[in-house]
């Protein structure tokens, strides 16, 4: 898989210290959007927003929507600035 785009977001408020990573990746048959999330410093949960590969345009829409949702919940680029590496 080739990573086309990635974003790492962080949320810290009170005792909450979370991170959320999103990747748009190219596969032989199209594009997928994957994510990882969890408490900073712990094992992250992983998932995908695309059950099967989709077109680049569709993957970019899914990626943008997910990033917008997280930013609306208070996630930002944060102080960490340590991008998630796959």
C-alpha atoms as a PDB file:
ATOM      1  CA  UNK A   1       0.000   0.000   0.000  1.00  0.00           C
ATOM      2  CA  UNK A   2       1.147   3.497  -0.805  1.00  0.00           C
ATOM      3  CA  UNK A   3       0.070   6.281   1.557  1.00  0.00           C
ATOM      4  CA  UNK A   4      -1.387   9.186  -0.411  1.00  0.00           C
ATOM      5  CA  UNK A   5      -2.395  11.437   2.497  1.00  0.00           C
ATOM      6  CA  UNK A   6      -2.286  11.274   6.286  1.00  0.00           C
ATOM      7  CA  UNK A   7      -3.322  13.445   9.215  1.00  0.00           C
ATOM      8  CA  UNK A   8      -2.634  13.119  12.944  1.00  0.00           C
ATOM      9  CA  UNK A   9      -5.012  14.867  15.343  1.00  0.00           C
ATOM     10  CA  UNK A  10      -4.909  15.248  19.116  1.00  0.00           C
ATOM     11  CA  UNK A  11      -7.409  16.127  21.820  1.00  0.00           C
ATOM     12  CA  UNK A  12      -6.477  17.055  25.374  1.00  0.00           C
ATOM     13  CA  UNK A  13      -8.959  18.321  27.942  1.00  0.00           C
ATOM     14  CA  UNK A  14      -8.982  17.533  31.647  1.00  0.00           C
ATOM     15  CA  UNK A  15      -7.881  13.925  32.051  1.00  0.00           C
ATOM     16  CA  UNK A  16      -8.642  13.147  28.400  1.00  0.00           C
ATOM     17  CA  UNK A  17      -5.527  12.857  26.191  1.00  0.00           C
ATOM     18  CA  UNK A  18      -6.437  11.214  22.872  1.00  0.00           C
ATOM     19  CA  UNK A  19      -5.013  10.879  19.394  1.00  0.00           C
ATOM     20  CA  UNK A  20      -6.633  10.084  16.050  1.00  0.00           C
ATOM     21  CA  UNK A  21      -4.776   9.200  12.836  1.00  0.00           C
ATOM     22  CA  UNK A  22      -6.271   8.968   9.341  1.00  0.00           C
ATOM     23  CA  UNK A  23      -4.627   7.610   6.200  1.00  0.00           C
ATOM     24  CA  UNK A  24      -5.743   7.585   2.580  1.00  0.00           C
ATOM     25  CA  UNK A  25      -3.899   4.700   0.963  1.00  0.00           C
ATOM     26  CA  UNK A  26      -3.636   3.384  -2.567  1.00  0.00           C
ATOM     27  CA  UNK A  27      -4.183  -0.318  -3.213  1.00  0.00           C
ATOM     28  CA  UNK A  28      -3.924  -2.127  -6.548  1.00  0.00           C
ATOM     29  CA  UNK A  29      -7.699  -1.947  -7.071  1.00  0.00           C
ATOM     30  CA  UNK A  30      -8.422   1.539  -5.678  1.00  0.00           C
ATOM     31  CA  UNK A  31      -8.144   3.579  -2.502  1.00  0.00           C
ATOM     32  CA  UNK A  32      -8.987   2.964   1.162  1.00  0.00           C
ATOM     33  CA  UNK A  33      -9.333   5.198   4.231  1.00  0.00           C
ATOM     34  CA  UNK A  34      -7.977   3.729   7.469  1.00  0.00           C
ATOM     35  CA  UNK A  35      -7.820   5.157  10.978  1.00  0.00           C
ATOM     36  CA  UNK A  36      -6.338   4.541  14.413  1.00  0.00           C
ATOM     37  CA  UNK A  37      -7.416   6.106  17.688  1.00  0.00           C
ATOM     38  CA  UNK A  38      -6.965   5.892  21.418  1.00  0.00           C
ATOM     39  CA  UNK A  39      -5.340   7.367  24.494  1.00  0.00           C
ATOM     40  CA  UNK A  40      -1.908   8.885  23.909  1.00  0.00           C
ATOM     41  CA  UNK A  41       0.774   6.373  24.894  1.00  0.00           C
ATOM     42  CA  UNK A  42      -1.499   3.307  24.807  1.00  0.00           C
ATOM     43  CA  UNK A  43      -2.213   0.716  22.141  1.00  0.00           C
ATOM     44  CA  UNK A  44      -4.407   2.229  19.443  1.00  0.00           C
ATOM     45  CA  UNK A  45      -7.597   0.751  18.031  1.00  0.00           C
ATOM     46  CA  UNK A  46      -7.628   0.467  14.238  1.00  0.00           C
ATOM     47  CA  UNK A  47     -10.365   0.456  11.655  1.00  0.00           C
ATOM     48  CA  UNK A  48     -11.333   1.359   8.125  1.00  0.00           C
ATOM     49  CA  UNK A  49     -13.982   3.610   6.627  1.00  0.00           C
ATOM     50  CA  UNK A  50     -13.923   1.680   3.335  1.00  0.00           C
ATOM     51  CA  UNK A  51     -14.926  -1.980   3.344  1.00  0.00           C
ATOM     52  CA  UNK A  52     -13.517  -2.323  -0.162  1.00  0.00           C
ATOM     53  CA  UNK A  53     -11.376  -0.040  -2.358  1.00  0.00           C
ATOM     54  CA  UNK A  54     -13.122   2.996  -3.837  1.00  0.00           C
ATOM     55  CA  UNK A  55     -12.214   5.689  -6.380  1.00  0.00           C
ATOM     56  CA  UNK A  56      -9.738   8.401  -5.385  1.00  0.00           C
ATOM     57  CA  UNK A  57     -12.515  11.026  -5.446  1.00  0.00           C
ATOM     58  CA  UNK A  58     -14.698   8.955  -3.101  1.00  0.00           C
ATOM     59  CA  UNK A  59     -11.763   8.196  -0.770  1.00  0.00           C
ATOM     60  CA  UNK A  60     -10.885  11.907  -0.586  1.00  0.00           C
ATOM     61  CA  UNK A  61     -14.511  12.721   0.356  1.00  0.00           C
ATOM     62  CA  UNK A  62     -14.477  10.076   3.113  1.00  0.00           C
ATOM     63  CA  UNK A  63     -11.094  11.306   4.392  1.00  0.00           C
ATOM     64  CA  UNK A  64     -12.221  14.968   4.442  1.00  0.00           C
ATOM     65  CA  UNK A  65     -15.521  14.128   6.166  1.00  0.00           C
ATOM     66  CA  UNK A  66     -13.779  12.112   8.880  1.00  0.00           C
ATOM     67  CA  UNK A  67     -11.182  14.827   9.480  1.00  0.00           C
ATOM     68  CA  UNK A  68     -13.922  17.489   9.643  1.00  0.00           C
ATOM     69  CA  UNK A  69     -15.917  15.401  12.163  1.00  0.00           C
ATOM     70  CA  UNK A  70     -12.892  14.997  14.439  1.00  0.00           C
ATOM     71  CA  UNK A  71     -11.946  18.694  14.244  1.00  0.00           C
ATOM     72  CA  UNK A  72     -15.561  19.601  15.094  1.00  0.00           C
ATOM     73  CA  UNK A  73     -15.215  17.464  18.254  1.00  0.00           C
ATOM     74  CA  UNK A  74     -12.178  19.488  19.344  1.00  0.00           C
ATOM     75  CA  UNK A  75      -9.305  17.522  17.819  1.00  0.00           C
ATOM     76  CA  UNK A  76      -6.486  19.634  16.389  1.00  0.00           C
ATOM     77  CA  UNK A  77      -2.957  19.261  15.079  1.00  0.00           C
ATOM     78  CA  UNK A  78      -1.961  19.551  18.733  1.00  0.00           C
ATOM     79  CA  UNK A  79       1.355  19.952  20.465  1.00  0.00           C
ATOM     80  CA  UNK A  80       2.655  16.473  19.726  1.00  0.00           C
ATOM     81  CA  UNK A  81       3.167  16.884  15.965  1.00  0.00           C
ATOM     82  CA  UNK A  82       4.326  13.253  15.802  1.00  0.00           C
ATOM     83  CA  UNK A  83       2.630  11.801  12.739  1.00  0.00           C
ATOM     84  CA  UNK A  84       1.519   8.209  12.898  1.00  0.00           C
ATOM     85  CA  UNK A  85       3.695   5.969  10.741  1.00  0.00           C
ATOM     86  CA  UNK A  86       2.311   2.765   9.264  1.00  0.00           C
END
